[in-house]
Amino acid sequence: MHTSFFLTSLININYLNFIKNQILDYSKIYKKVKSENEIKIQRQIFIDNISELDYNNIGQYWSFNEIEKNLDMQDKNIRITLFGVAHFNDILWENSLDNYIYFGAEESEIKLKKGKKIHLYQMEILPKQISTTLYTYHNLDGTSYQKPSKYLDFKRKKIITIDKIAII
């Protein structure tokens, strides 16, 4: 019983230290953005057609660090990474701190205020390519099926410089 209590206490102390370190790291980011009054941000979205990109509802959740390029296309045909600049006062800092603690520095996710504007300066467009080769997939029950594979076509990646105001 004493060992269990000791381990539980040790785990709680380690968790509290983790939370404390996350808050300290985040406070440095907060102070930097406050002094510069803006921050470069990026966001990935997945769409089937470029015409689906809605600059009047561009989304609230962004990242302030380079985000890991998601290879899971979520059954969409195009992965777009948007790059922009947000102002200090347009960030919901308390919500963003919660996200930072929950998701960690890997995501560096922030939440922007609905209805605010951001300046977009770059867009990366990466289409999905569907293979003409059929691949056989096996189920756990012994049955199998065939379908073409889908992969990201990095040869067709486009990086476009833009100058656009978008609405969160």
Protein backbone atom coordinates (compact mmCIF):
# COMPACT_ATOMS: atom_id res chain seq x y z
CA MET A 1 0.00 0.00 0.00
CA HIS A 2 2.82 2.43 0.85
CA THR A 3 4.60 1.62 -2.44
CA SER A 4 1.46 2.37 -4.41
CA PHE A 5 1.00 5.71 -2.61
CA PHE A 6 4.66 6.58 -3.19
CA LEU A 7 4.45 5.76 -6.93
CA THR A 8 1.20 7.70 -7.31
CA SER A 9 2.75 10.71 -5.56
CA LEU A 10 5.87 10.47 -7.72
CA ILE A 11 3.77 10.31 -10.90
CA ASN A 12 1.74 13.32 -9.75
CA ILE A 13 4.92 15.29 -9.00
CA ASN A 14 6.35 14.43 -12.43
CA TYR A 15 3.09 15.47 -14.09
CA LEU A 16 3.01 18.76 -12.17
CA ASN A 17 6.62 19.44 -13.19
CA PHE A 18 5.67 18.74 -16.80
CA ILE A 19 2.74 21.19 -16.57
CA LYS A 20 4.96 23.80 -14.91
CA ASN A 21 7.56 23.48 -17.69
CA GLN A 22 4.88 23.74 -20.38
CA ILE A 23 3.57 26.94 -18.77
CA LEU A 24 7.10 28.40 -18.49
CA ASP A 25 7.82 27.59 -22.15
CA TYR A 26 4.52 29.09 -23.21
CA SER A 27 5.08 32.26 -21.19
CA LYS A 28 8.28 32.88 -23.20
CA ILE A 29 6.31 32.57 -26.42
CA TYR A 30 3.60 34.87 -25.06
CA LYS A 31 6.14 37.55 -24.07
CA LYS A 32 7.89 37.36 -27.46
CA VAL A 33 4.64 37.71 -29.41
CA LYS A 34 3.48 40.53 -27.13
CA SER A 35 6.70 42.48 -27.71
CA GLU A 36 6.57 41.98 -31.51
CA ASN A 37 2.74 42.34 -31.65
CA GLU A 38 2.49 39.59 -34.30
CA ILE A 39 3.37 35.98 -34.94
CA LYS A 40 3.87 33.84 -38.05
CA ILE A 41 1.40 30.96 -38.11
CA GLN A 42 0.49 28.04 -40.34
CA ARG A 43 -2.39 25.65 -40.83
CA GLN A 44 -3.09 22.53 -42.88
CA ILE A 45 -6.43 21.90 -44.49
CA PHE A 46 -7.63 19.06 -46.67
CA ILE A 47 -10.02 19.63 -49.56
CA ASP A 48 -11.15 17.90 -52.73
CA ASN A 49 -11.06 20.96 -54.97
CA ILE A 50 -9.20 24.28 -54.69
CA SER A 51 -12.53 26.11 -55.09
CA GLU A 52 -13.51 24.81 -51.62
CA LEU A 53 -10.92 27.10 -50.00
CA ASP A 54 -12.99 29.70 -48.14
CA TYR A 55 -11.00 32.82 -47.25
CA ASN A 56 -14.03 34.17 -45.33
CA ASN A 57 -13.94 31.23 -42.88
CA ILE A 58 -10.33 30.13 -42.80
CA GLY A 59 -10.42 28.44 -39.37
CA GLN A 60 -9.52 29.26 -35.76
CA TYR A 61 -6.82 26.68 -34.99
CA TRP A 62 -3.31 27.38 -36.25
CA SER A 63 0.26 26.50 -35.26
CA PHE A 64 3.06 28.94 -34.49
CA ASN A 65 5.83 26.40 -35.17
CA GLU A 66 6.51 24.52 -38.35
CA ILE A 67 3.90 21.82 -38.33
CA GLU A 68 4.60 18.24 -39.21
CA LYS A 69 3.36 17.66 -42.70
CA ASN A 70 0.41 15.35 -42.30
CA LEU A 71 0.57 12.49 -44.77
CA ASP A 72 -2.94 11.27 -43.96
CA MET A 73 -5.10 13.05 -46.53
CA GLN A 74 -8.36 12.14 -44.76
CA ASP A 75 -9.82 10.90 -48.10
CA LYS A 76 -9.37 14.33 -49.65
CA ASN A 77 -7.54 15.13 -52.88
CA ILE A 78 -5.48 18.17 -51.87
CA ARG A 79 -3.46 19.10 -48.79
CA ILE A 80 -2.98 22.85 -48.42
CA THR A 81 -0.64 24.44 -45.92
CA LEU A 82 -1.42 28.12 -45.37
CA PHE A 83 1.15 30.54 -43.95
CA GLY A 84 0.08 33.81 -42.36
CA VAL A 85 0.61 36.47 -39.73
CA ALA A 86 -1.69 37.01 -36.73
CA HIS A 87 -1.68 39.93 -34.32
CA PHE A 88 -1.18 39.53 -30.58
CA ASN A 89 -4.68 40.78 -29.67
CA ASP A 90 -6.35 38.35 -32.11
CA ILE A 91 -5.19 35.27 -30.19
CA LEU A 92 -7.28 33.61 -27.47
CA TRP A 93 -4.32 33.16 -25.14
CA GLU A 94 -6.03 31.15 -22.35
CA ASN A 95 -7.48 28.64 -24.83
CA SER A 96 -4.12 28.49 -26.58
CA LEU A 97 -2.33 27.73 -23.29
CA ASP A 98 -4.76 24.86 -22.68
CA ASN A 99 -4.01 23.54 -26.18
CA TYR A 100 -0.27 23.91 -25.63
CA ILE A 101 -0.42 21.93 -22.40
CA TYR A 102 -2.68 19.27 -23.91
CA PHE A 103 -1.05 18.85 -27.35
CA GLY A 104 2.48 19.91 -26.42
CA ALA A 105 5.14 21.85 -28.24
CA GLU A 106 4.94 19.50 -31.24
CA GLU A 107 1.64 21.03 -32.31
CA SER A 108 2.13 24.50 -30.84
CA GLU A 109 -1.55 25.08 -31.48
CA ILE A 110 -3.17 28.46 -30.94
CA LYS A 111 -6.77 29.54 -31.22
CA LEU A 112 -7.62 32.78 -32.97
CA LYS A 113 -10.64 34.97 -32.26
CA LYS A 114 -13.58 34.35 -34.58
CA GLY A 115 -14.20 37.16 -37.08
CA LYS A 116 -10.65 38.57 -36.90
CA LYS A 117 -8.45 38.95 -39.98
CA ILE A 118 -5.05 37.49 -40.74
CA HIS A 119 -2.64 38.23 -43.55
CA LEU A 120 -1.82 35.15 -45.67
CA TYR A 121 1.52 35.32 -47.47
CA GLN A 122 2.14 31.78 -48.75
CA MET A 123 0.31 28.61 -49.71
CA GLU A 124 1.68 25.12 -50.31
CA ILE A 125 -0.54 22.92 -52.48
CA LEU A 126 0.09 19.18 -52.56
CA PRO A 127 -2.28 16.99 -54.59
CA LYS A 128 -2.92 13.33 -54.03
CA GLN A 129 -2.13 10.91 -56.81
CA ILE A 130 -4.09 7.69 -57.23
CA SER A 131 -2.05 4.77 -58.48
CA THR A 132 -3.24 2.82 -61.50
CA THR A 133 -1.92 -0.36 -59.89
CA LEU A 134 -4.39 -2.37 -57.81
CA TYR A 135 -3.10 -3.56 -54.47
CA THR A 136 -4.49 -6.47 -52.50
CA TYR A 137 -5.39 -5.84 -48.86
CA HIS A 138 -6.06 -8.68 -46.42
CA ASN A 139 -8.63 -8.55 -43.62
CA LEU A 140 -8.17 -10.31 -40.28
CA ASP A 141 -11.02 -12.70 -41.13
CA GLY A 142 -9.05 -14.07 -44.10
CA THR A 143 -10.93 -12.22 -46.82
CA SER A 144 -9.18 -9.80 -49.13
CA TYR A 145 -10.01 -6.93 -51.45
CA GLN A 146 -8.28 -4.81 -54.06
CA LYS A 147 -8.08 -1.06 -54.50
CA PRO A 148 -5.65 1.45 -55.96
CA SER A 149 -3.23 3.06 -53.54
CA LYS A 150 -3.24 6.78 -52.90
CA TYR A 151 -0.09 8.72 -52.29
CA LEU A 152 1.04 12.31 -52.15
CA ASP A 153 2.54 13.47 -55.43
CA PHE A 154 5.49 15.55 -54.25
CA LYS A 155 6.53 16.20 -57.86
CA ARG A 156 3.36 18.26 -58.33
CA LYS A 157 3.78 20.30 -55.12
CA LYS A 158 3.37 24.03 -55.66
CA ILE A 159 4.46 26.80 -53.33
CA ILE A 160 2.68 30.03 -54.15
CA THR A 161 3.35 33.49 -52.75
CA ILE A 162 0.06 35.21 -52.00
CA ASP A 163 -1.02 38.50 -50.47
CA LYS A 164 -4.48 37.88 -49.11
CA ILE A 165 -6.50 38.92 -46.07
CA ALA A 166 -8.52 36.03 -44.66
CA ILE A 167 -11.20 35.99 -41.98
CA ILE A 168 -11.07 33.60 -39.05
